[in-house]
């Protein structure tokens, strides 16, 4: 059986050169189940002729949203895990507001189609003058994300753009950001990510560090509530959250498109995940 895993566009391979680290781990796991992998740039317009497609490393899609949306349309009818409708929904972080409407605890979030300074003043007043984080609804890796401390004015390039506005959660600096991973429907592992001193971004390129943890019960409960609210067939999910300062947790995002899965942190080195991929590919092949 053959599967396709989407990777960065050729023009982004230098920016995202660590895709090969994940590929080196995944490929032998899948080969053990008789699966051959086609590594294909997510921007490739050629028809896909495989049993199953995983968008695991379609990194950079947020930099060319029209092209990504066109590809999602082009791929209709192909077996994707996670499903295409889930990918489309998960592309825009306004899904947070939908999840909040389903009683999922999220980091307080406001959306503005064209951000103005007055929107930031209103947000500061509503949350008691806390520092703010602003980001585009379609983003990844903290691209075009700013921390506005106190009454610091908004960067000019963010004004007039569609932006999400959130309070800076103090627990990011004191406790860290939790990532809980679900693979093949079951909890697999968890990590906590902490920013470098003086920063608020937890990604490794900004000096952030991570370590494996046994997640608090309240964090696991929030992840389960989030997955239940989505109610879709998911092969994988990474649920990011932060402490709310009162013993609970707030969802920051749920990554269903192209998470770094940290399979090396799983108890079995990713074997359960590979078996689930093989089962899904076999199902697709028999159904076709």
C-alpha atoms as a PDB file:
ATOM      1  CA  UNK A   1       0.000   0.000   0.000  1.00  0.00           C
ATOM      2  CA  UNK A   2       1.063   3.542  -0.682  1.00  0.00           C
ATOM      3  CA  UNK A   3       0.498   6.702   1.276  1.00  0.00           C
ATOM      4  CA  UNK A   4       1.424  10.322   0.671  1.00  0.00           C
ATOM      5  CA  UNK A   5       2.712  12.664   3.352  1.00  0.00           C
ATOM      6  CA  UNK A   6       2.647  16.353   2.512  1.00  0.00           C
ATOM      7  CA  UNK A   7       5.810  18.363   3.174  1.00  0.00           C
ATOM      8  CA  UNK A   8       6.895  21.998   2.684  1.00  0.00           C
ATOM      9  CA  UNK A   9       7.083  23.583  -0.734  1.00  0.00           C
ATOM     10  CA  UNK A  10      10.515  23.544  -2.386  1.00  0.00           C
ATOM     11  CA  UNK A  11      10.866  27.284  -1.726  1.00  0.00           C
ATOM     12  CA  UNK A  12      10.351  26.669   2.009  1.00  0.00           C
ATOM     13  CA  UNK A  13      12.634  23.664   2.459  1.00  0.00           C
ATOM     14  CA  UNK A  14      15.416  25.775   3.918  1.00  0.00           C
ATOM     15  CA  UNK A  15      13.043  27.449   6.376  1.00  0.00           C
ATOM     16  CA  UNK A  16      11.528  24.096   7.364  1.00  0.00           C
ATOM     17  CA  UNK A  17      14.540  21.850   6.863  1.00  0.00           C
ATOM     18  CA  UNK A  18      13.736  19.865  10.020  1.00  0.00           C
ATOM     19  CA  UNK A  19      10.915  18.063   8.209  1.00  0.00           C
ATOM     20  CA  UNK A  20      13.511  15.423   7.390  1.00  0.00           C
ATOM     21  CA  UNK A  21      14.041  14.727  11.096  1.00  0.00           C
ATOM     22  CA  UNK A  22      10.410  13.728  11.412  1.00  0.00           C
ATOM     23  CA  UNK A  23      10.475  11.836   8.101  1.00  0.00           C
ATOM     24  CA  UNK A  24      13.490   9.816   9.274  1.00  0.00           C
ATOM     25  CA  UNK A  25      11.486   8.678  12.290  1.00  0.00           C
ATOM     26  CA  UNK A  26       8.195   8.023  10.500  1.00  0.00           C
ATOM     27  CA  UNK A  27       9.336   6.222   7.350  1.00  0.00           C
ATOM     28  CA  UNK A  28      10.717   3.028   8.949  1.00  0.00           C
ATOM     29  CA  UNK A  29       7.712   2.816  11.275  1.00  0.00           C
ATOM     30  CA  UNK A  30       5.406   2.766   8.267  1.00  0.00           C
ATOM     31  CA  UNK A  31       7.663   0.469   6.246  1.00  0.00           C
ATOM     32  CA  UNK A  32       7.297  -2.140   8.995  1.00  0.00           C
ATOM     33  CA  UNK A  33       3.613  -2.292   8.020  1.00  0.00           C
ATOM     34  CA  UNK A  34       4.330  -2.593   4.310  1.00  0.00           C
ATOM     35  CA  UNK A  35       3.609   1.054   3.575  1.00  0.00           C
ATOM     36  CA  UNK A  36       5.645   3.003   1.035  1.00  0.00           C
ATOM     37  CA  UNK A  37       5.659   6.770   1.432  1.00  0.00           C
ATOM     38  CA  UNK A  38       5.555   9.446  -1.233  1.00  0.00           C
ATOM     39  CA  UNK A  39       6.845  12.705   0.220  1.00  0.00           C
ATOM     40  CA  UNK A  40       5.110  15.445  -1.766  1.00  0.00           C
ATOM     41  CA  UNK A  41       5.155  19.238  -1.512  1.00  0.00           C
ATOM     42  CA  UNK A  42       1.732  20.446  -0.439  1.00  0.00           C
ATOM     43  CA  UNK A  43       1.805  22.914  -3.330  1.00  0.00           C
ATOM     44  CA  UNK A  44       2.180  20.166  -5.987  1.00  0.00           C
ATOM     45  CA  UNK A  45      -0.832  20.428  -8.341  1.00  0.00           C
ATOM     46  CA  UNK A  46      -0.399  16.930  -9.820  1.00  0.00           C
ATOM     47  CA  UNK A  47      -3.123  14.368  -9.084  1.00  0.00           C
ATOM     48  CA  UNK A  48      -2.593  12.220  -6.001  1.00  0.00           C
ATOM     49  CA  UNK A  49      -2.922   8.477  -6.597  1.00  0.00           C
ATOM     50  CA  UNK A  50      -2.359   6.729  -3.269  1.00  0.00           C
ATOM     51  CA  UNK A  51      -4.444   4.931  -0.658  1.00  0.00           C
ATOM     52  CA  UNK A  52      -4.173   7.623   2.019  1.00  0.00           C
ATOM     53  CA  UNK A  53      -2.849  11.172   2.383  1.00  0.00           C
ATOM     54  CA  UNK A  54      -1.489  12.676   5.607  1.00  0.00           C
ATOM     55  CA  UNK A  55      -0.853  16.460   5.661  1.00  0.00           C
ATOM     56  CA  UNK A  56       1.580  15.988   8.551  1.00  0.00           C
ATOM     57  CA  UNK A  57       4.266  18.378   7.342  1.00  0.00           C
ATOM     58  CA  UNK A  58       2.401  20.798   5.083  1.00  0.00           C
ATOM     59  CA  UNK A  59       4.359  23.521   6.828  1.00  0.00           C
ATOM     60  CA  UNK A  60       4.120  26.981   5.334  1.00  0.00           C
ATOM     61  CA  UNK A  61       0.530  26.713   4.072  1.00  0.00           C
ATOM     62  CA  UNK A  62      -0.409  29.753   6.159  1.00  0.00           C
ATOM     63  CA  UNK A  63       1.947  31.880   4.059  1.00  0.00           C
ATOM     64  CA  UNK A  64      -0.124  31.286   0.923  1.00  0.00           C
ATOM     65  CA  UNK A  65      -3.708  30.865   2.038  1.00  0.00           C
ATOM     66  CA  UNK A  66      -5.350  31.142  -1.432  1.00  0.00           C
ATOM     67  CA  UNK A  67      -3.101  28.370  -2.729  1.00  0.00           C
ATOM     68  CA  UNK A  68      -3.835  26.195   0.298  1.00  0.00           C
ATOM     69  CA  UNK A  69      -7.569  26.654  -0.136  1.00  0.00           C
ATOM     70  CA  UNK A  70      -7.273  25.834  -3.847  1.00  0.00           C
ATOM     71  CA  UNK A  71      -5.402  22.651  -2.972  1.00  0.00           C
ATOM     72  CA  UNK A  72      -8.067  21.634  -0.480  1.00  0.00           C
ATOM     73  CA  UNK A  73     -10.603  21.996  -3.289  1.00  0.00           C
ATOM     74  CA  UNK A  74      -8.387  20.036  -5.700  1.00  0.00           C
ATOM     75  CA  UNK A  75      -8.001  17.170  -3.231  1.00  0.00           C
ATOM     76  CA  UNK A  76     -11.722  16.568  -2.817  1.00  0.00           C
ATOM     77  CA  UNK A  77     -12.541  12.875  -3.172  1.00  0.00           C
ATOM     78  CA  UNK A  78      -9.171  11.731  -1.849  1.00  0.00           C
ATOM     79  CA  UNK A  79      -8.881   9.933   1.489  1.00  0.00           C
ATOM     80  CA  UNK A  80      -7.189  12.304   3.931  1.00  0.00           C
ATOM     81  CA  UNK A  81      -6.509  11.822   7.612  1.00  0.00           C
ATOM     82  CA  UNK A  82      -7.220  14.081   9.156  1.00  0.00           C
ATOM     83  CA  UNK A  83     -10.245  14.658   6.863  1.00  0.00           C
ATOM     84  CA  UNK A  84     -10.291  17.535   4.408  1.00  0.00           C
ATOM     85  CA  UNK A  85     -13.254  19.211   6.086  1.00  0.00           C
ATOM     86  CA  UNK A  86     -11.313  19.158   9.355  1.00  0.00           C
ATOM     87  CA  UNK A  87      -8.256  20.677   7.665  1.00  0.00           C
ATOM     88  CA  UNK A  88     -10.348  23.476   6.211  1.00  0.00           C
ATOM     89  CA  UNK A  89     -11.960  24.195   9.597  1.00  0.00           C
ATOM     90  CA  UNK A  90      -8.659  24.051  11.481  1.00  0.00           C
ATOM     91  CA  UNK A  91      -6.942  26.462   9.074  1.00  0.00           C
ATOM     92  CA  UNK A  92      -8.543  29.542  10.669  1.00  0.00           C
ATOM     93  CA  UNK A  93      -8.177  30.002  14.425  1.00  0.00           C
ATOM     94  CA  UNK A  94     -11.596  31.585  14.635  1.00  0.00           C
ATOM     95  CA  UNK A  95     -12.585  28.003  15.362  1.00  0.00           C
ATOM     96  CA  UNK A  96     -11.733  28.960  18.962  1.00  0.00           C
ATOM     97  CA  UNK A  97     -14.888  31.066  19.084  1.00  0.00           C
ATOM     98  CA  UNK A  98     -16.938  28.127  17.802  1.00  0.00           C
ATOM     99  CA  UNK A  99     -15.491  25.865  20.473  1.00  0.00           C
ATOM    100  CA  UNK A 100     -16.185  28.475  23.156  1.00  0.00           C
ATOM    101  CA  UNK A 101     -19.822  28.487  22.027  1.00  0.00           C
ATOM    102  CA  UNK A 102     -19.798  24.739  22.785  1.00  0.00           C
ATOM    103  CA  UNK A 103     -18.598  25.412  26.347  1.00  0.00           C
ATOM    104  CA  UNK A 104     -14.919  24.649  25.719  1.00  0.00           C
ATOM    105  CA  UNK A 105     -12.728  26.864  27.912  1.00  0.00           C
ATOM    106  CA  UNK A 106     -10.502  28.965  25.636  1.00  0.00           C
ATOM    107  CA  UNK A 107      -8.054  31.786  26.182  1.00  0.00           C
ATOM    108  CA  UNK A 108     -10.343  34.854  26.007  1.00  0.00           C
ATOM    109  CA  UNK A 109     -10.333  35.759  22.324  1.00  0.00           C
ATOM    110  CA  UNK A 110     -11.660  38.657  20.275  1.00  0.00           C
ATOM    111  CA  UNK A 111     -11.629  38.780  16.486  1.00  0.00           C
ATOM    112  CA  UNK A 112     -11.405  41.960  14.424  1.00  0.00           C
ATOM    113  CA  UNK A 113     -11.705  41.965  10.649  1.00  0.00           C
ATOM    114  CA  UNK A 114      -9.599  45.138  10.444  1.00  0.00           C
ATOM    115  CA  UNK A 115      -7.716  45.789  13.685  1.00  0.00           C
ATOM    116  CA  UNK A 116      -7.715  49.322  15.095  1.00  0.00           C
ATOM    117  CA  UNK A 117      -6.026  50.860  18.124  1.00  0.00           C
ATOM    118  CA  UNK A 118      -9.472  51.402  19.640  1.00  0.00           C
ATOM    119  CA  UNK A 119     -10.024  47.626  19.586  1.00  0.00           C
ATOM    120  CA  UNK A 120      -6.903  47.177  21.693  1.00  0.00           C
ATOM    121  CA  UNK A 121      -8.012  49.867  24.136  1.00  0.00           C
ATOM    122  CA  UNK A 122     -11.357  48.097  24.500  1.00  0.00           C
ATOM    123  CA  UNK A 123      -9.627  44.761  25.075  1.00  0.00           C
ATOM    124  CA  UNK A 124      -7.321  46.221  27.736  1.00  0.00           C
ATOM    125  CA  UNK A 125     -10.280  47.757  29.526  1.00  0.00           C
ATOM    126  CA  UNK A 126     -12.208  44.476  29.426  1.00  0.00           C
ATOM    127  CA  UNK A 127      -9.386  42.403  30.902  1.00  0.00           C
ATOM    128  CA  UNK A 128      -8.140  44.879  33.466  1.00  0.00           C
ATOM    129  CA  UNK A 129      -5.191  46.305  31.574  1.00  0.00           C
ATOM    130  CA  UNK A 130      -3.351  43.043  30.971  1.00  0.00           C
ATOM    131  CA  UNK A 131      -0.701  42.735  28.292  1.00  0.00           C
ATOM    132  CA  UNK A 132      -2.117  41.631  24.944  1.00  0.00           C
ATOM    133  CA  UNK A 133      -1.100  39.107  22.297  1.00  0.00           C
ATOM    134  CA  UNK A 134      -2.250  39.739  18.742  1.00  0.00           C
ATOM    135  CA  UNK A 135      -2.000  37.281  15.864  1.00  0.00           C
ATOM    136  CA  UNK A 136      -3.589  36.589  12.482  1.00  0.00           C
ATOM    137  CA  UNK A 137      -6.373  33.984  12.484  1.00  0.00           C
ATOM    138  CA  UNK A 138      -4.351  31.996   9.931  1.00  0.00           C
ATOM    139  CA  UNK A 139      -0.869  31.632  11.351  1.00  0.00           C
ATOM    140  CA  UNK A 140       1.750  29.171  12.570  1.00  0.00           C
ATOM    141  CA  UNK A 141       5.030  29.266  14.438  1.00  0.00           C
ATOM    142  CA  UNK A 142       4.238  32.696  15.936  1.00  0.00           C
ATOM    143  CA  UNK A 143       4.439  34.350  12.511  1.00  0.00           C
ATOM    144  CA  UNK A 144       3.147  37.934  12.739  1.00  0.00           C
ATOM    145  CA  UNK A 145       2.395  37.472  16.427  1.00  0.00           C
ATOM    146  CA  UNK A 146       3.123  40.340  18.806  1.00  0.00           C
ATOM    147  CA  UNK A 147       3.134  40.829  22.558  1.00  0.00           C
ATOM    148  CA  UNK A 148       1.930  44.329  23.427  1.00  0.00           C
ATOM    149  CA  UNK A 149       3.012  45.201  26.949  1.00  0.00           C
ATOM    150  CA  UNK A 150       1.087  47.914  28.761  1.00  0.00           C
ATOM    151  CA  UNK A 151      -0.068  50.620  26.385  1.00  0.00           C
ATOM    152  CA  UNK A 152       2.543  49.867  23.719  1.00  0.00           C
ATOM    153  CA  UNK A 153       1.065  50.909  20.354  1.00  0.00           C
ATOM    154  CA  UNK A 154       0.163  48.307  17.780  1.00  0.00           C
ATOM    155  CA  UNK A 155       2.757  47.631  15.042  1.00  0.00           C
ATOM    156  CA  UNK A 156       1.707  49.432  11.883  1.00  0.00           C
ATOM    157  CA  UNK A 157       1.701  46.254   9.812  1.00  0.00           C
ATOM    158  CA  UNK A 158      -0.916  44.689  12.098  1.00  0.00           C
ATOM    159  CA  UNK A 159      -3.381  47.576  11.831  1.00  0.00           C
ATOM    160  CA  UNK A 160      -6.134  47.128   9.279  1.00  0.00           C
ATOM    161  CA  UNK A 161      -5.540  43.362   9.156  1.00  0.00           C
ATOM    162  CA  UNK A 162      -7.739  40.541  10.386  1.00  0.00           C
ATOM    163  CA  UNK A 163      -6.378  39.763  13.841  1.00  0.00           C
ATOM    164  CA  UNK A 164      -7.157  37.843  16.997  1.00  0.00           C
ATOM    165  CA  UNK A 165      -6.658  39.693  20.282  1.00  0.00           C
ATOM    166  CA  UNK A 166      -5.995  37.754  23.498  1.00  0.00           C
ATOM    167  CA  UNK A 167      -4.641  38.538  26.954  1.00  0.00           C
ATOM    168  CA  UNK A 168      -1.107  37.421  27.647  1.00  0.00           C
ATOM    169  CA  UNK A 169      -1.567  34.483  30.019  1.00  0.00           C
ATOM    170  CA  UNK A 170       0.921  34.790  32.918  1.00  0.00           C
ATOM    171  CA  UNK A 171       1.142  31.012  33.278  1.00  0.00           C
ATOM    172  CA  UNK A 172       3.092  30.845  30.000  1.00  0.00           C
ATOM    173  CA  UNK A 173       6.109  32.264  31.832  1.00  0.00           C
ATOM    174  CA  UNK A 174       5.577  30.534  35.187  1.00  0.00           C
ATOM    175  CA  UNK A 175       4.190  27.127  34.255  1.00  0.00           C
ATOM    176  CA  UNK A 176       4.579  26.828  30.492  1.00  0.00           C
ATOM    177  CA  UNK A 177       2.311  25.770  27.633  1.00  0.00           C
ATOM    178  CA  UNK A 178       1.025  22.215  27.649  1.00  0.00           C
ATOM    179  CA  UNK A 179       0.690  20.106  24.509  1.00  0.00           C
ATOM    180  CA  UNK A 180      -1.318  16.900  24.804  1.00  0.00           C
ATOM    181  CA  UNK A 181      -1.208  14.443  21.915  1.00  0.00           C
ATOM    182  CA  UNK A 182      -3.945  12.071  20.826  1.00  0.00           C
ATOM    183  CA  UNK A 183      -3.016   9.370  18.311  1.00  0.00           C
ATOM    184  CA  UNK A 184      -5.529   6.944  16.799  1.00  0.00           C
ATOM    185  CA  UNK A 185      -8.186   8.069  19.243  1.00  0.00           C
ATOM    186  CA  UNK A 186      -6.176   7.572  22.437  1.00  0.00           C
ATOM    187  CA  UNK A 187      -4.067   9.803  24.623  1.00  0.00           C
ATOM    188  CA  UNK A 188      -0.431   9.197  23.664  1.00  0.00           C
ATOM    189  CA  UNK A 189       1.838  11.611  25.507  1.00  0.00           C
ATOM    190  CA  UNK A 190       2.262  15.194  26.647  1.00  0.00           C
ATOM    191  CA  UNK A 191       4.942  17.844  26.826  1.00  0.00           C
ATOM    192  CA  UNK A 192       5.270  21.217  28.484  1.00  0.00           C
ATOM    193  CA  UNK A 193       6.942  24.005  26.522  1.00  0.00           C
ATOM    194  CA  UNK A 194       8.526  27.008  28.195  1.00  0.00           C
ATOM    195  CA  UNK A 195       9.794  30.201  26.579  1.00  0.00           C
ATOM    196  CA  UNK A 196      13.267  31.591  26.935  1.00  0.00           C
ATOM    197  CA  UNK A 197      13.669  34.206  29.652  1.00  0.00           C
ATOM    198  CA  UNK A 198      12.025  37.455  28.608  1.00  0.00           C
ATOM    199  CA  UNK A 199      10.186  35.909  25.658  1.00  0.00           C
ATOM    200  CA  UNK A 200       6.602  34.662  25.328  1.00  0.00           C
ATOM    201  CA  UNK A 201       7.042  32.286  22.380  1.00  0.00           C
ATOM    202  CA  UNK A 202       7.640  28.642  23.211  1.00  0.00           C
ATOM    203  CA  UNK A 203       8.889  27.459  19.808  1.00  0.00           C
ATOM    204  CA  UNK A 204      12.429  26.122  19.637  1.00  0.00           C
ATOM    205  CA  UNK A 205      13.529  28.695  17.065  1.00  0.00           C
ATOM    206  CA  UNK A 206      12.944  31.369  19.726  1.00  0.00           C
ATOM    207  CA  UNK A 207      14.833  29.515  22.418  1.00  0.00           C
ATOM    208  CA  UNK A 208      11.876  27.640  23.897  1.00  0.00           C
ATOM    209  CA  UNK A 209      12.468  24.308  25.632  1.00  0.00           C
ATOM    210  CA  UNK A 210      10.180  21.306  26.101  1.00  0.00           C
ATOM    211  CA  UNK A 211      10.067  18.215  28.289  1.00  0.00           C
ATOM    212  CA  UNK A 212       7.816  15.187  28.602  1.00  0.00           C
ATOM    213  CA  UNK A 213       5.281  15.307  31.441  1.00  0.00           C
ATOM    214  CA  UNK A 214       2.359  13.472  32.955  1.00  0.00           C
ATOM    215  CA  UNK A 215      -0.356  16.094  32.328  1.00  0.00           C
ATOM    216  CA  UNK A 216      -2.584  17.368  35.129  1.00  0.00           C
ATOM    217  CA  UNK A 217      -6.042  15.805  35.235  1.00  0.00           C
ATOM    218  CA  UNK A 218      -7.675  19.152  34.484  1.00  0.00           C
ATOM    219  CA  UNK A 219      -5.543  19.550  31.352  1.00  0.00           C
ATOM    220  CA  UNK A 220      -6.517  16.106  30.120  1.00  0.00           C
ATOM    221  CA  UNK A 221     -10.182  16.875  30.800  1.00  0.00           C
ATOM    222  CA  UNK A 222      -9.992  20.025  28.682  1.00  0.00           C
ATOM    223  CA  UNK A 223      -8.400  18.097  25.814  1.00  0.00           C
ATOM    224  CA  UNK A 224     -11.151  15.493  25.936  1.00  0.00           C
ATOM    225  CA  UNK A 225     -13.837  18.186  25.981  1.00  0.00           C
ATOM    226  CA  UNK A 226     -12.234  19.833  22.969  1.00  0.00           C
ATOM    227  CA  UNK A 227     -12.085  16.604  20.983  1.00  0.00           C
ATOM    228  CA  UNK A 228     -15.693  15.796  21.900  1.00  0.00           C
ATOM    229  CA  UNK A 229     -16.812  19.220  20.669  1.00  0.00           C
ATOM    230  CA  UNK A 230     -15.095  18.643  17.313  1.00  0.00           C
ATOM    231  CA  UNK A 231     -16.607  15.163  16.937  1.00  0.00           C
ATOM    232  CA  UNK A 232     -14.658  14.060  13.851  1.00  0.00           C
ATOM    233  CA  UNK A 233     -12.572  11.089  12.749  1.00  0.00           C
ATOM    234  CA  UNK A 234      -9.081  12.127  13.770  1.00  0.00           C
ATOM    235  CA  UNK A 235      -5.890  10.168  13.286  1.00  0.00           C
ATOM    236  CA  UNK A 236      -3.894  12.687  15.313  1.00  0.00           C
ATOM    237  CA  UNK A 237      -4.384  15.834  17.356  1.00  0.00           C
ATOM    238  CA  UNK A 238      -2.192  18.143  19.383  1.00  0.00           C
ATOM    239  CA  UNK A 239      -4.089  20.128  21.990  1.00  0.00           C
ATOM    240  CA  UNK A 240      -2.283  23.221  23.311  1.00  0.00           C
ATOM    241  CA  UNK A 241      -3.385  24.902  26.508  1.00  0.00           C
ATOM    242  CA  UNK A 242      -2.281  27.118  29.372  1.00  0.00           C
ATOM    243  CA  UNK A 243      -3.207  27.409  33.029  1.00  0.00           C
ATOM    244  CA  UNK A 244      -5.867  29.978  33.866  1.00  0.00           C
ATOM    245  CA  UNK A 245      -4.399  30.848  37.271  1.00  0.00           C
ATOM    246  CA  UNK A 246      -7.320  29.258  39.099  1.00  0.00           C
ATOM    247  CA  UNK A 247      -6.455  25.589  38.805  1.00  0.00           C
ATOM    248  CA  UNK A 248      -8.028  25.130  35.389  1.00  0.00           C
ATOM    249  CA  UNK A 249      -6.804  25.363  31.809  1.00  0.00           C
ATOM    250  CA  UNK A 250      -7.699  27.316  28.680  1.00  0.00           C
ATOM    251  CA  UNK A 251      -7.359  26.072  25.122  1.00  0.00           C
ATOM    252  CA  UNK A 252      -4.818  27.992  23.049  1.00  0.00           C
ATOM    253  CA  UNK A 253      -5.222  25.950  19.873  1.00  0.00           C
ATOM    254  CA  UNK A 254      -5.812  22.455  18.593  1.00  0.00           C
ATOM    255  CA  UNK A 255      -3.485  21.486  15.769  1.00  0.00           C
ATOM    256  CA  UNK A 256      -5.076  19.006  13.359  1.00  0.00           C
ATOM    257  CA  UNK A 257      -3.134  19.780  10.172  1.00  0.00           C
ATOM    258  CA  UNK A 258       0.634  19.684  10.570  1.00  0.00           C
ATOM    259  CA  UNK A 259       1.787  19.250  14.173  1.00  0.00           C
ATOM    260  CA  UNK A 260       5.233  18.131  15.153  1.00  0.00           C
ATOM    261  CA  UNK A 261       4.029  14.878  16.713  1.00  0.00           C
ATOM    262  CA  UNK A 262       7.016  14.237  19.002  1.00  0.00           C
ATOM    263  CA  UNK A 263       6.669  10.507  18.340  1.00  0.00           C
ATOM    264  CA  UNK A 264       9.981   9.981  20.062  1.00  0.00           C
ATOM    265  CA  UNK A 265       8.205  10.939  23.295  1.00  0.00           C
ATOM    266  CA  UNK A 266       5.646   8.125  23.007  1.00  0.00           C
ATOM    267  CA  UNK A 267       6.031   4.985  25.107  1.00  0.00           C
ATOM    268  CA  UNK A 268       6.351   2.776  22.014  1.00  0.00           C
ATOM    269  CA  UNK A 269       8.296   5.136  19.756  1.00  0.00           C
ATOM    270  CA  UNK A 270       5.338   5.713  17.462  1.00  0.00           C
ATOM    271  CA  UNK A 271       4.472   2.088  16.697  1.00  0.00           C
ATOM    272  CA  UNK A 272       0.801   2.480  17.670  1.00  0.00           C
ATOM    273  CA  UNK A 273       0.544   5.504  15.411  1.00  0.00           C
ATOM    274  CA  UNK A 274       2.099   3.618  12.495  1.00  0.00           C
ATOM    275  CA  UNK A 275      -0.307   0.721  13.022  1.00  0.00           C
ATOM    276  CA  UNK A 276      -3.240   3.144  12.919  1.00  0.00           C
ATOM    277  CA  UNK A 277      -1.978   4.653   9.658  1.00  0.00           C
ATOM    278  CA  UNK A 278      -1.633   1.163   8.176  1.00  0.00           C
ATOM    279  CA  UNK A 279      -5.165   0.255   9.249  1.00  0.00           C
ATOM    280  CA  UNK A 280      -6.552   3.462   7.722  1.00  0.00           C
ATOM    281  CA  UNK A 281      -4.668   2.847   4.474  1.00  0.00           C
ATOM    282  CA  UNK A 282      -5.958  -0.724   4.303  1.00  0.00           C
ATOM    283  CA  UNK A 283      -9.498   0.512   4.853  1.00  0.00           C
ATOM    284  CA  UNK A 284      -9.106   3.062   2.060  1.00  0.00           C
ATOM    285  CA  UNK A 285      -7.676   0.451  -0.300  1.00  0.00           C
ATOM    286  CA  UNK A 286     -10.522  -1.999   0.339  1.00  0.00           C
ATOM    287  CA  UNK A 287     -13.156   0.719   0.042  1.00  0.00           C
ATOM    288  CA  UNK A 288     -11.680   1.866  -3.267  1.00  0.00           C
END
